[in-house]
Amino acid sequence: MIKETPVPKDAIALADDLRAALLHVFRRIRHEGDHDPSGLSLQHRLLLSTIDQNPGIGVAELARQEKLRGPTMSAHIKTLENAGLVRRDTPNPEDRRRVGLLLTKQGEALMADLRSRRRDWLARRLAQLQPEGAQALRTAIQYLNEIGE
């Protein structure tokens, strides 16, 4: 069995502080989407985002990924289809039962609007930082990207 080296206490404290700060920022960014003029639920916005990131994803695969039952996911997709935000792609020639999901032009526009509102909120907050604070974040981003690799 591989013995893990103990984690230094200062690294644990930094991890706790970073996690809390990131969670707070993510919640505030997500909150910007709560003012969505389309009136979509958070669940529907999350599904649109997943379909946007995975064009052609199947309903069953989407249900597994989002940890929802098949009938529940089908109902969500039907709602998004009726709203004109999602469409079904042509069936897969290798498995005609599998039909991928795609965003419509309206769905793409909604996601672009949501992303830009969230980005603009964050940019406004970043613009309020002192130059040294902005530079510290640029440096931190480099390290965060290293951690994520």
C-alpha atoms as a PDB file:
ATOM      1  CA  MET A   1       0.000   0.000   0.000  1.00  0.00           C
ATOM      2  CA  ILE A   2       1.274   3.482  -0.894  1.00  0.00           C
ATOM      3  CA  LYS A   3       1.745   5.675   2.126  1.00  0.00           C
ATOM      4  CA  GLU A   4       0.692   9.268   1.505  1.00  0.00           C
ATOM      5  CA  THR A   5       2.823  12.017   2.909  1.00  0.00           C
ATOM      6  CA  PRO A   6       1.099  14.181   5.513  1.00  0.00           C
ATOM      7  CA  VAL A   7      -0.326  17.465   4.264  1.00  0.00           C
ATOM      8  CA  PRO A   8       1.163  20.512   5.973  1.00  0.00           C
ATOM      9  CA  LYS A   9      -1.288  22.446   8.148  1.00  0.00           C
ATOM     10  CA  ASP A  10      -0.649  25.698   6.289  1.00  0.00           C
ATOM     11  CA  ALA A  11      -1.581  23.980   2.996  1.00  0.00           C
ATOM     12  CA  ILE A  12      -4.804  22.686   4.571  1.00  0.00           C
ATOM     13  CA  ALA A  13      -5.655  26.184   5.820  1.00  0.00           C
ATOM     14  CA  LEU A  14      -4.919  27.663   2.381  1.00  0.00           C
ATOM     15  CA  ALA A  15      -7.085  24.993   0.722  1.00  0.00           C
ATOM     16  CA  ASP A  16      -9.969  25.762   3.085  1.00  0.00           C
ATOM     17  CA  ASP A  17      -9.682  29.514   2.483  1.00  0.00           C
ATOM     18  CA  LEU A  18      -9.381  29.120  -1.297  1.00  0.00           C
ATOM     19  CA  ARG A  19     -12.325  26.734  -1.504  1.00  0.00           C
ATOM     20  CA  ALA A  20     -14.514  29.093   0.512  1.00  0.00           C
ATOM     21  CA  ALA A  21     -13.513  32.116  -1.578  1.00  0.00           C
ATOM     22  CA  LEU A  22     -14.093  30.301  -4.885  1.00  0.00           C
ATOM     23  CA  LEU A  23     -17.442  28.983  -3.696  1.00  0.00           C
ATOM     24  CA  HIS A  24     -18.525  32.503  -2.734  1.00  0.00           C
ATOM     25  CA  VAL A  25     -17.471  33.931  -6.121  1.00  0.00           C
ATOM     26  CA  PHE A  26     -19.146  31.077  -8.037  1.00  0.00           C
ATOM     27  CA  ARG A  27     -22.383  31.618  -6.110  1.00  0.00           C
ATOM     28  CA  ARG A  28     -22.336  35.333  -6.890  1.00  0.00           C
ATOM     29  CA  ILE A  29     -21.665  34.638 -10.574  1.00  0.00           C
ATOM     30  CA  ARG A  30     -24.451  32.056 -10.689  1.00  0.00           C
ATOM     31  CA  HIS A  31     -26.737  34.522  -8.921  1.00  0.00           C
ATOM     32  CA  GLU A  32     -26.323  36.827 -11.915  1.00  0.00           C
ATOM     33  CA  GLY A  33     -28.110  34.121 -13.930  1.00  0.00           C
ATOM     34  CA  ASP A  34     -31.037  34.173 -11.516  1.00  0.00           C
ATOM     35  CA  HIS A  35     -32.177  37.371 -13.210  1.00  0.00           C
ATOM     36  CA  ASP A  36     -32.685  35.439 -16.438  1.00  0.00           C
ATOM     37  CA  PRO A  37     -35.519  37.097 -18.394  1.00  0.00           C
ATOM     38  CA  SER A  38     -36.492  33.728 -19.896  1.00  0.00           C
ATOM     39  CA  GLY A  39     -37.736  32.569 -16.499  1.00  0.00           C
ATOM     40  CA  LEU A  40     -35.926  29.230 -16.770  1.00  0.00           C
ATOM     41  CA  SER A  41     -35.166  27.304 -13.615  1.00  0.00           C
ATOM     42  CA  LEU A  42     -31.590  26.757 -12.476  1.00  0.00           C
ATOM     43  CA  GLN A  43     -31.951  23.089 -13.486  1.00  0.00           C
ATOM     44  CA  HIS A  44     -32.941  24.066 -17.032  1.00  0.00           C
ATOM     45  CA  ARG A  45     -30.069  26.541 -17.317  1.00  0.00           C
ATOM     46  CA  LEU A  46     -27.673  23.819 -16.123  1.00  0.00           C
ATOM     47  CA  LEU A  47     -29.047  21.389 -18.718  1.00  0.00           C
ATOM     48  CA  LEU A  48     -28.696  23.981 -21.471  1.00  0.00           C
ATOM     49  CA  SER A  49     -25.120  24.593 -20.383  1.00  0.00           C
ATOM     50  CA  THR A  50     -24.320  20.864 -20.445  1.00  0.00           C
ATOM     51  CA  ILE A  51     -25.874  20.455 -23.905  1.00  0.00           C
ATOM     52  CA  ASP A  52     -23.968  23.543 -25.075  1.00  0.00           C
ATOM     53  CA  GLN A  53     -20.689  22.040 -23.842  1.00  0.00           C
ATOM     54  CA  ASN A  54     -21.523  18.565 -25.232  1.00  0.00           C
ATOM     55  CA  PRO A  55     -23.406  19.048 -28.516  1.00  0.00           C
ATOM     56  CA  GLY A  56     -25.102  15.843 -29.602  1.00  0.00           C
ATOM     57  CA  ILE A  57     -25.269  14.367 -26.097  1.00  0.00           C
ATOM     58  CA  GLY A  58     -28.020  11.769 -25.782  1.00  0.00           C
ATOM     59  CA  VAL A  59     -30.900  12.024 -23.318  1.00  0.00           C
ATOM     60  CA  ALA A  60     -29.791   8.900 -21.417  1.00  0.00           C
ATOM     61  CA  GLU A  61     -26.195  10.109 -21.215  1.00  0.00           C
ATOM     62  CA  LEU A  62     -27.371  13.529 -20.046  1.00  0.00           C
ATOM     63  CA  ALA A  63     -29.559  11.893 -17.381  1.00  0.00           C
ATOM     64  CA  ARG A  64     -26.608   9.819 -16.124  1.00  0.00           C
ATOM     65  CA  GLN A  65     -24.309  12.818 -16.094  1.00  0.00           C
ATOM     66  CA  GLU A  66     -26.819  14.973 -14.211  1.00  0.00           C
ATOM     67  CA  LYS A  67     -27.857  12.078 -11.930  1.00  0.00           C
ATOM     68  CA  LEU A  68     -31.526  12.248 -12.935  1.00  0.00           C
ATOM     69  CA  ARG A  69     -33.927   9.457 -13.828  1.00  0.00           C
ATOM     70  CA  GLY A  70     -34.676   8.962 -17.528  1.00  0.00           C
ATOM     71  CA  PRO A  71     -38.359  10.009 -17.350  1.00  0.00           C
ATOM     72  CA  THR A  72     -37.422  13.112 -15.336  1.00  0.00           C
ATOM     73  CA  MET A  73     -34.801  14.082 -17.894  1.00  0.00           C
ATOM     74  CA  SER A  74     -37.237  13.451 -20.761  1.00  0.00           C
ATOM     75  CA  ALA A  75     -39.718  15.834 -19.135  1.00  0.00           C
ATOM     76  CA  HIS A  76     -37.024  18.514 -18.769  1.00  0.00           C
ATOM     77  CA  ILE A  77     -35.975  18.093 -22.398  1.00  0.00           C
ATOM     78  CA  LYS A  78     -39.590  18.308 -23.555  1.00  0.00           C
ATOM     79  CA  THR A  79     -39.945  21.602 -21.657  1.00  0.00           C
ATOM     80  CA  LEU A  80     -36.772  22.956 -23.277  1.00  0.00           C
ATOM     81  CA  GLU A  81     -37.954  21.782 -26.711  1.00  0.00           C
ATOM     82  CA  ASN A  82     -41.358  23.436 -26.215  1.00  0.00           C
ATOM     83  CA  ALA A  83     -39.566  26.651 -25.247  1.00  0.00           C
ATOM     84  CA  GLY A  84     -37.641  26.479 -28.539  1.00  0.00           C
ATOM     85  CA  LEU A  85     -34.255  26.161 -26.836  1.00  0.00           C
ATOM     86  CA  VAL A  86     -33.306  22.553 -27.628  1.00  0.00           C
ATOM     87  CA  ARG A  87     -33.792  20.359 -30.660  1.00  0.00           C
ATOM     88  CA  ARG A  88     -33.100  16.735 -31.382  1.00  0.00           C
ATOM     89  CA  ASP A  89     -30.427  15.958 -33.934  1.00  0.00           C
ATOM     90  CA  THR A  90     -30.941  13.414 -36.691  1.00  0.00           C
ATOM     91  CA  PRO A  91     -30.756   9.840 -35.360  1.00  0.00           C
ATOM     92  CA  ASN A  92     -27.395   8.129 -35.168  1.00  0.00           C
ATOM     93  CA  PRO A  93     -27.176   5.770 -38.189  1.00  0.00           C
ATOM     94  CA  GLU A  94     -25.429   3.129 -36.034  1.00  0.00           C
ATOM     95  CA  ASP A  95     -28.085   3.277 -33.311  1.00  0.00           C
ATOM     96  CA  ARG A  96     -31.352   4.806 -34.472  1.00  0.00           C
ATOM     97  CA  ARG A  97     -32.621   4.846 -30.877  1.00  0.00           C
ATOM     98  CA  ARG A  98     -29.955   7.380 -29.898  1.00  0.00           C
ATOM     99  CA  VAL A  99     -30.777  10.944 -30.850  1.00  0.00           C
ATOM    100  CA  GLY A 100     -28.432  13.721 -29.825  1.00  0.00           C
ATOM    101  CA  LEU A 101     -29.503  17.036 -28.346  1.00  0.00           C
ATOM    102  CA  LEU A 102     -28.484  20.410 -29.707  1.00  0.00           C
ATOM    103  CA  LEU A 103     -29.249  23.982 -28.782  1.00  0.00           C
ATOM    104  CA  THR A 104     -31.412  25.930 -31.194  1.00  0.00           C
ATOM    105  CA  LYS A 105     -30.351  29.416 -32.315  1.00  0.00           C
ATOM    106  CA  GLN A 106     -32.607  30.752 -29.554  1.00  0.00           C
ATOM    107  CA  GLY A 107     -30.922  28.439 -27.014  1.00  0.00           C
ATOM    108  CA  GLU A 108     -27.471  29.506 -28.190  1.00  0.00           C
ATOM    109  CA  ALA A 109     -28.464  33.175 -27.890  1.00  0.00           C
ATOM    110  CA  LEU A 110     -29.819  32.619 -24.384  1.00  0.00           C
ATOM    111  CA  MET A 111     -26.602  30.901 -23.279  1.00  0.00           C
ATOM    112  CA  ALA A 112     -24.470  33.641 -24.876  1.00  0.00           C
ATOM    113  CA  ASP A 113     -26.515  36.281 -23.044  1.00  0.00           C
ATOM    114  CA  LEU A 114     -26.207  34.438 -19.735  1.00  0.00           C
ATOM    115  CA  ARG A 115     -22.438  34.033 -20.150  1.00  0.00           C
ATOM    116  CA  SER A 116     -21.962  37.687 -21.088  1.00  0.00           C
ATOM    117  CA  ARG A 117     -24.028  38.924 -18.114  1.00  0.00           C
ATOM    118  CA  ARG A 118     -21.982  36.766 -15.755  1.00  0.00           C
ATOM    119  CA  ARG A 119     -18.699  37.775 -17.370  1.00  0.00           C
ATOM    120  CA  ASP A 120     -19.660  41.463 -17.290  1.00  0.00           C
ATOM    121  CA  TRP A 121     -20.575  41.257 -13.600  1.00  0.00           C
ATOM    122  CA  LEU A 122     -17.190  39.711 -12.824  1.00  0.00           C
ATOM    123  CA  ALA A 123     -15.357  42.217 -15.043  1.00  0.00           C
ATOM    124  CA  ARG A 124     -17.054  45.124 -13.236  1.00  0.00           C
ATOM    125  CA  ARG A 125     -15.933  43.700  -9.896  1.00  0.00           C
ATOM    126  CA  LEU A 126     -12.380  43.117 -11.153  1.00  0.00           C
ATOM    127  CA  ALA A 127     -12.209  46.662 -12.537  1.00  0.00           C
ATOM    128  CA  GLN A 128     -12.719  47.939  -8.975  1.00  0.00           C
ATOM    129  CA  LEU A 129      -9.538  46.262  -7.746  1.00  0.00           C
ATOM    130  CA  GLN A 130      -6.348  48.166  -7.172  1.00  0.00           C
ATOM    131  CA  PRO A 131      -3.736  47.423  -9.884  1.00  0.00           C
ATOM    132  CA  GLU A 132      -1.680  45.292  -7.477  1.00  0.00           C
ATOM    133  CA  GLY A 133      -4.784  43.242  -6.631  1.00  0.00           C
ATOM    134  CA  ALA A 134      -5.491  42.618 -10.319  1.00  0.00           C
ATOM    135  CA  GLN A 135      -1.866  41.582 -10.838  1.00  0.00           C
ATOM    136  CA  ALA A 136      -2.029  39.243  -7.848  1.00  0.00           C
ATOM    137  CA  LEU A 137      -5.075  37.569  -9.420  1.00  0.00           C
ATOM    138  CA  ARG A 138      -3.259  37.196 -12.752  1.00  0.00           C
ATOM    139  CA  THR A 139      -0.429  35.464 -10.917  1.00  0.00           C
ATOM    140  CA  ALA A 140      -2.868  33.321  -8.936  1.00  0.00           C
ATOM    141  CA  ILE A 141      -4.569  32.218 -12.166  1.00  0.00           C
ATOM    142  CA  GLN A 142      -1.276  30.802 -13.396  1.00  0.00           C
ATOM    143  CA  TYR A 143      -0.946  28.728 -10.248  1.00  0.00           C
ATOM    144  CA  LEU A 144      -4.604  27.674 -10.306  1.00  0.00           C
ATOM    145  CA  ASN A 145      -4.110  26.421 -13.853  1.00  0.00           C
ATOM    146  CA  GLU A 146      -1.074  24.427 -12.676  1.00  0.00           C
ATOM    147  CA  ILE A 147      -3.144  22.877  -9.883  1.00  0.00           C
ATOM    148  CA  GLY A 148      -5.869  21.963 -12.359  1.00  0.00           C
ATOM    149  CA  GLU A 149      -3.517  20.151 -14.725  1.00  0.00           C
END
